[in-house]
Amino acid sequence: MLDFSQFSGLVLFMFIFTAGFWLLIFLLTFVVPYWIGGTIWENLKLKKEAREAAEGR
């Protein structure tokens, strides 16, 4: 059997491990696609503005 210090260490380890796992899942499914999509959107807007400025000359 585990004594209290071993049990508390195991619980702490499992909490940190699962928190890191869910944070990784959150980053890969929401934050990274949002970041990439926003970068693409901004680049398209900048290219459109540059094209309109070049045609306006």
Protein backbone atom coordinates (compact mmCIF):
# COMPACT_ATOMS: atom_id res chain seq x y z
CA MET A 1 0.00 0.00 0.00
CA LEU A 2 0.96 3.62 -0.44
CA ASP A 3 1.52 5.85 2.50
CA PHE A 4 0.23 9.41 2.47
CA SER A 5 3.32 11.07 0.96
CA GLN A 6 3.47 8.57 -1.90
CA PHE A 7 -0.26 8.91 -2.52
CA SER A 8 -0.13 12.71 -2.52
CA GLY A 9 2.84 12.61 -4.89
CA LEU A 10 0.94 10.30 -7.23
CA VAL A 11 -2.14 12.53 -7.14
CA LEU A 12 -0.01 15.61 -7.83
CA PHE A 13 1.75 13.87 -10.71
CA MET A 14 -1.55 12.74 -12.24
CA PHE A 15 -3.01 16.24 -11.90
CA ILE A 16 -0.02 17.87 -13.62
CA PHE A 17 0.06 15.20 -16.34
CA THR A 18 -3.65 15.45 -17.15
CA ALA A 19 -3.63 19.26 -16.99
CA GLY A 20 -0.75 19.32 -19.47
CA PHE A 21 -2.53 16.82 -21.70
CA TRP A 22 -5.73 18.86 -21.87
CA LEU A 23 -3.78 22.09 -22.37
CA LEU A 24 -1.98 20.49 -25.31
CA ILE A 25 -5.28 19.32 -26.81
CA PHE A 26 -6.75 22.83 -26.38
CA LEU A 27 -3.75 24.46 -28.04
CA LEU A 28 -3.74 22.07 -30.99
CA THR A 29 -7.48 22.27 -31.66
CA PHE A 30 -8.29 25.95 -31.02
CA VAL A 31 -5.32 28.27 -30.55
CA VAL A 32 -3.01 27.12 -33.36
CA PRO A 33 -5.70 27.02 -36.10
CA TYR A 34 -6.98 30.44 -34.98
CA TRP A 35 -3.44 31.81 -35.13
CA ILE A 36 -2.75 30.34 -38.59
CA GLY A 37 -6.14 31.46 -39.94
CA GLY A 38 -5.62 35.00 -38.65
CA THR A 39 -2.18 35.18 -40.24
CA ILE A 40 -3.53 34.04 -43.61
CA TRP A 41 -6.44 36.50 -43.37
CA GLU A 42 -4.10 39.41 -42.57
CA ASN A 43 -1.75 38.52 -45.44
CA LEU A 44 -4.68 38.39 -47.87
CA LYS A 45 -5.90 41.80 -46.69
CA LEU A 46 -2.42 43.30 -47.06
CA LYS A 47 -2.04 41.88 -50.56
CA LYS A 48 -5.46 43.23 -51.54
CA GLU A 49 -4.57 46.70 -50.20
CA ALA A 50 -1.24 46.64 -52.05
CA ARG A 51 -2.95 45.58 -55.28
CA GLU A 52 -5.56 48.37 -54.94
CA ALA A 53 -2.83 50.93 -54.20
CA ALA A 54 -0.86 49.81 -57.27
CA GLU A 55 -3.92 50.04 -59.51
CA GLY A 56 -4.81 53.46 -58.12
CA ARG A 57 -1.56 55.05 -59.34
